[in-house]
């Protein structure tokens, strides 16, 4: 498998019809989809930064922009759904699922939720100060 050809012709024939066309768009026609898609595949297989993509895949900016556009407009989702349906129809997918009931705990700062604001005077320090004032001690 060469660096230029990461997808076989048979694999590309399954993906190519799902690629959006640039007909009717007021900008330049799209660069070769296969070259760009193989650049995305190369990037995710090797883990290199976008800027480090080999020039054989075209400008890295083009590869990144097309990947971003396909992510936003649902092209990758359509490709995934089609390939999944074809593999399922061919009996290539085993749908047996194994569920693990392990509990993973995260640090309190690992959440992406915003902190709930406490009612004024309802902090631990305020409650402690009120209790101290009531008991006189």
C-alpha atoms as a PDB file:
ATOM      1  CA  UNK A   1       0.000   0.000   0.000  1.00  0.00           C
ATOM      2  CA  UNK A   2       1.567   3.244  -1.076  1.00  0.00           C
ATOM      3  CA  UNK A   3       1.214   6.581   0.612  1.00  0.00           C
ATOM      4  CA  UNK A   4      -0.852   7.890  -2.258  1.00  0.00           C
ATOM      5  CA  UNK A   5      -3.333   4.990  -2.362  1.00  0.00           C
ATOM      6  CA  UNK A   6      -4.780   4.154   1.041  1.00  0.00           C
ATOM      7  CA  UNK A   7      -8.124   3.023  -0.356  1.00  0.00           C
ATOM      8  CA  UNK A   8      -8.500   0.256  -2.890  1.00  0.00           C
ATOM      9  CA  UNK A   9     -10.492   0.984  -6.041  1.00  0.00           C
ATOM     10  CA  UNK A  10     -13.341  -1.200  -4.745  1.00  0.00           C
ATOM     11  CA  UNK A  11     -13.453   0.740  -1.462  1.00  0.00           C
ATOM     12  CA  UNK A  12     -13.428   4.067  -3.280  1.00  0.00           C
ATOM     13  CA  UNK A  13     -16.280   2.932  -5.580  1.00  0.00           C
ATOM     14  CA  UNK A  14     -18.456   2.472  -2.493  1.00  0.00           C
ATOM     15  CA  UNK A  15     -17.615   5.925  -1.107  1.00  0.00           C
ATOM     16  CA  UNK A  16     -17.453   8.045  -4.281  1.00  0.00           C
ATOM     17  CA  UNK A  17     -21.216   8.310  -4.959  1.00  0.00           C
ATOM     18  CA  UNK A  18     -21.735   9.777  -1.468  1.00  0.00           C
ATOM     19  CA  UNK A  19     -19.323  12.646  -1.995  1.00  0.00           C
ATOM     20  CA  UNK A  20     -20.920  16.065  -2.496  1.00  0.00           C
ATOM     21  CA  UNK A  21     -20.336  17.762  -5.826  1.00  0.00           C
ATOM     22  CA  UNK A  22     -19.344  21.376  -6.331  1.00  0.00           C
ATOM     23  CA  UNK A  23     -21.818  21.981  -9.161  1.00  0.00           C
ATOM     24  CA  UNK A  24     -23.795  25.142  -8.543  1.00  0.00           C
ATOM     25  CA  UNK A  25     -21.332  26.457  -5.965  1.00  0.00           C
ATOM     26  CA  UNK A  26     -19.965  29.926  -6.670  1.00  0.00           C
ATOM     27  CA  UNK A  27     -16.430  28.982  -5.717  1.00  0.00           C
ATOM     28  CA  UNK A  28     -13.742  26.819  -7.256  1.00  0.00           C
ATOM     29  CA  UNK A  29     -14.548  23.216  -8.097  1.00  0.00           C
ATOM     30  CA  UNK A  30     -13.520  20.746  -5.413  1.00  0.00           C
ATOM     31  CA  UNK A  31     -10.057  19.217  -5.514  1.00  0.00           C
ATOM     32  CA  UNK A  32     -10.031  15.468  -6.185  1.00  0.00           C
ATOM     33  CA  UNK A  33     -12.105  13.923  -3.384  1.00  0.00           C
ATOM     34  CA  UNK A  34     -10.096  10.715  -3.307  1.00  0.00           C
ATOM     35  CA  UNK A  35      -6.825  12.533  -2.701  1.00  0.00           C
ATOM     36  CA  UNK A  36      -8.343  14.573   0.116  1.00  0.00           C
ATOM     37  CA  UNK A  37     -10.143  11.623   1.755  1.00  0.00           C
ATOM     38  CA  UNK A  38      -6.939   9.601   1.668  1.00  0.00           C
ATOM     39  CA  UNK A  39      -5.189  12.575   3.308  1.00  0.00           C
ATOM     40  CA  UNK A  40      -7.735  12.464   6.130  1.00  0.00           C
ATOM     41  CA  UNK A  41      -7.266   8.698   6.475  1.00  0.00           C
ATOM     42  CA  UNK A  42      -3.486   9.113   6.535  1.00  0.00           C
ATOM     43  CA  UNK A  43      -3.733  11.831   9.170  1.00  0.00           C
ATOM     44  CA  UNK A  44      -5.881   9.708  11.502  1.00  0.00           C
ATOM     45  CA  UNK A  45      -3.880   6.518  10.951  1.00  0.00           C
ATOM     46  CA  UNK A  46      -0.546   8.129  11.732  1.00  0.00           C
ATOM     47  CA  UNK A  47      -1.645  10.802  14.205  1.00  0.00           C
ATOM     48  CA  UNK A  48       0.411  13.528  12.546  1.00  0.00           C
ATOM     49  CA  UNK A  49      -0.577  17.163  12.830  1.00  0.00           C
ATOM     50  CA  UNK A  50      -2.546  18.578   9.908  1.00  0.00           C
ATOM     51  CA  UNK A  51       0.439  20.741   8.969  1.00  0.00           C
ATOM     52  CA  UNK A  52       2.633  17.642   8.688  1.00  0.00           C
ATOM     53  CA  UNK A  53       0.576  15.899   6.001  1.00  0.00           C
ATOM     54  CA  UNK A  54       2.735  14.880   3.042  1.00  0.00           C
ATOM     55  CA  UNK A  55       2.364  17.107  -0.012  1.00  0.00           C
ATOM     56  CA  UNK A  56       1.105  14.133  -2.026  1.00  0.00           C
ATOM     57  CA  UNK A  57      -2.320  14.685  -0.420  1.00  0.00           C
ATOM     58  CA  UNK A  58      -2.469  18.318  -1.466  1.00  0.00           C
ATOM     59  CA  UNK A  59      -2.340  21.396   0.757  1.00  0.00           C
ATOM     60  CA  UNK A  60      -3.044  20.511   4.377  1.00  0.00           C
ATOM     61  CA  UNK A  61      -5.480  23.425   4.615  1.00  0.00           C
ATOM     62  CA  UNK A  62      -7.619  21.879   1.865  1.00  0.00           C
ATOM     63  CA  UNK A  63      -7.629  18.494   3.579  1.00  0.00           C
ATOM     64  CA  UNK A  64      -8.571  20.047   6.935  1.00  0.00           C
ATOM     65  CA  UNK A  65     -11.283  22.284   5.459  1.00  0.00           C
ATOM     66  CA  UNK A  66     -12.850  19.396   3.555  1.00  0.00           C
ATOM     67  CA  UNK A  67     -12.748  17.169   6.655  1.00  0.00           C
ATOM     68  CA  UNK A  68     -14.388  19.935   8.690  1.00  0.00           C
ATOM     69  CA  UNK A  69     -17.014  20.581   5.991  1.00  0.00           C
ATOM     70  CA  UNK A  70     -17.851  16.873   5.744  1.00  0.00           C
ATOM     71  CA  UNK A  71     -18.136  16.670   9.533  1.00  0.00           C
ATOM     72  CA  UNK A  72     -20.538  19.594   9.688  1.00  0.00           C
ATOM     73  CA  UNK A  73     -22.736  18.727   6.695  1.00  0.00           C
ATOM     74  CA  UNK A  74     -23.083  15.038   7.615  1.00  0.00           C
ATOM     75  CA  UNK A  75     -21.103  13.525   4.737  1.00  0.00           C
ATOM     76  CA  UNK A  76     -19.030  11.342   7.065  1.00  0.00           C
ATOM     77  CA  UNK A  77     -22.228  10.193   8.799  1.00  0.00           C
ATOM     78  CA  UNK A  78     -23.802   9.241   5.455  1.00  0.00           C
ATOM     79  CA  UNK A  79     -20.695   7.294   4.448  1.00  0.00           C
ATOM     80  CA  UNK A  80     -20.597   5.510   7.798  1.00  0.00           C
ATOM     81  CA  UNK A  81     -24.313   4.631   7.641  1.00  0.00           C
ATOM     82  CA  UNK A  82     -24.034   3.308   4.067  1.00  0.00           C
ATOM     83  CA  UNK A  83     -20.953   1.176   4.781  1.00  0.00           C
ATOM     84  CA  UNK A  84     -22.535  -0.134   7.983  1.00  0.00           C
ATOM     85  CA  UNK A  85     -25.739  -1.066   6.129  1.00  0.00           C
ATOM     86  CA  UNK A  86     -23.789  -2.820   3.370  1.00  0.00           C
ATOM     87  CA  UNK A  87     -21.693  -4.757   5.874  1.00  0.00           C
ATOM     88  CA  UNK A  88     -24.798  -5.720   7.850  1.00  0.00           C
ATOM     89  CA  UNK A  89     -26.606  -6.871   4.702  1.00  0.00           C
ATOM     90  CA  UNK A  90     -23.572  -8.973   3.794  1.00  0.00           C
ATOM     91  CA  UNK A  91     -23.464 -10.553   7.257  1.00  0.00           C
ATOM     92  CA  UNK A  92     -20.050  -9.060   7.995  1.00  0.00           C
ATOM     93  CA  UNK A  93     -21.115  -7.505  11.318  1.00  0.00           C
ATOM     94  CA  UNK A  94     -21.670  -9.438  14.527  1.00  0.00           C
ATOM     95  CA  UNK A  95     -24.098  -7.368  16.614  1.00  0.00           C
ATOM     96  CA  UNK A  96     -23.375  -9.176  19.880  1.00  0.00           C
ATOM     97  CA  UNK A  97     -22.688  -6.535  22.504  1.00  0.00           C
ATOM     98  CA  UNK A  98     -20.811  -7.041  25.730  1.00  0.00           C
ATOM     99  CA  UNK A  99     -21.766  -4.642  28.502  1.00  0.00           C
ATOM    100  CA  UNK A 100     -19.407  -3.984  31.364  1.00  0.00           C
ATOM    101  CA  UNK A 101     -20.868  -2.643  34.597  1.00  0.00           C
ATOM    102  CA  UNK A 102     -17.620  -1.142  35.836  1.00  0.00           C
ATOM    103  CA  UNK A 103     -18.036   2.243  37.483  1.00  0.00           C
ATOM    104  CA  UNK A 104     -15.535   4.871  36.488  1.00  0.00           C
ATOM    105  CA  UNK A 105     -15.292   7.865  38.736  1.00  0.00           C
ATOM    106  CA  UNK A 106     -13.927  11.180  37.610  1.00  0.00           C
ATOM    107  CA  UNK A 107     -12.437  14.009  39.594  1.00  0.00           C
ATOM    108  CA  UNK A 108     -14.907  16.773  40.398  1.00  0.00           C
ATOM    109  CA  UNK A 109     -13.063  19.125  38.068  1.00  0.00           C
ATOM    110  CA  UNK A 110     -13.290  16.678  35.168  1.00  0.00           C
ATOM    111  CA  UNK A 111     -16.863  17.672  34.396  1.00  0.00           C
ATOM    112  CA  UNK A 112     -17.885  20.007  31.636  1.00  0.00           C
ATOM    113  CA  UNK A 113     -20.943  21.195  33.563  1.00  0.00           C
ATOM    114  CA  UNK A 114     -21.093  24.702  34.928  1.00  0.00           C
ATOM    115  CA  UNK A 115     -21.152  25.109  38.663  1.00  0.00           C
ATOM    116  CA  UNK A 116     -24.523  25.713  40.268  1.00  0.00           C
ATOM    117  CA  UNK A 117     -24.540  29.009  42.099  1.00  0.00           C
ATOM    118  CA  UNK A 118     -25.332  28.747  45.794  1.00  0.00           C
ATOM    119  CA  UNK A 119     -27.894  30.949  47.439  1.00  0.00           C
ATOM    120  CA  UNK A 120     -26.254  33.908  49.158  1.00  0.00           C
ATOM    121  CA  UNK A 121     -25.457  33.034  52.759  1.00  0.00           C
ATOM    122  CA  UNK A 122     -25.840  29.295  52.154  1.00  0.00           C
ATOM    123  CA  UNK A 123     -22.153  28.397  52.072  1.00  0.00           C
ATOM    124  CA  UNK A 124     -20.549  26.097  54.604  1.00  0.00           C
ATOM    125  CA  UNK A 125     -18.738  29.021  56.181  1.00  0.00           C
ATOM    126  CA  UNK A 126     -21.975  31.032  56.493  1.00  0.00           C
ATOM    127  CA  UNK A 127     -23.807  28.112  58.098  1.00  0.00           C
ATOM    128  CA  UNK A 128     -20.926  27.564  60.483  1.00  0.00           C
ATOM    129  CA  UNK A 129     -20.866  31.249  61.436  1.00  0.00           C
ATOM    130  CA  UNK A 130     -24.639  31.262  62.088  1.00  0.00           C
ATOM    131  CA  UNK A 131     -24.382  28.126  64.218  1.00  0.00           C
ATOM    132  CA  UNK A 132     -21.527  29.647  66.202  1.00  0.00           C
ATOM    133  CA  UNK A 133     -23.497  32.849  66.741  1.00  0.00           C
ATOM    134  CA  UNK A 134     -26.569  30.942  67.977  1.00  0.00           C
ATOM    135  CA  UNK A 135     -24.627  28.870  70.470  1.00  0.00           C
ATOM    136  CA  UNK A 136     -22.519  31.782  71.606  1.00  0.00           C
ATOM    137  CA  UNK A 137     -19.337  29.926  71.209  1.00  0.00           C
END
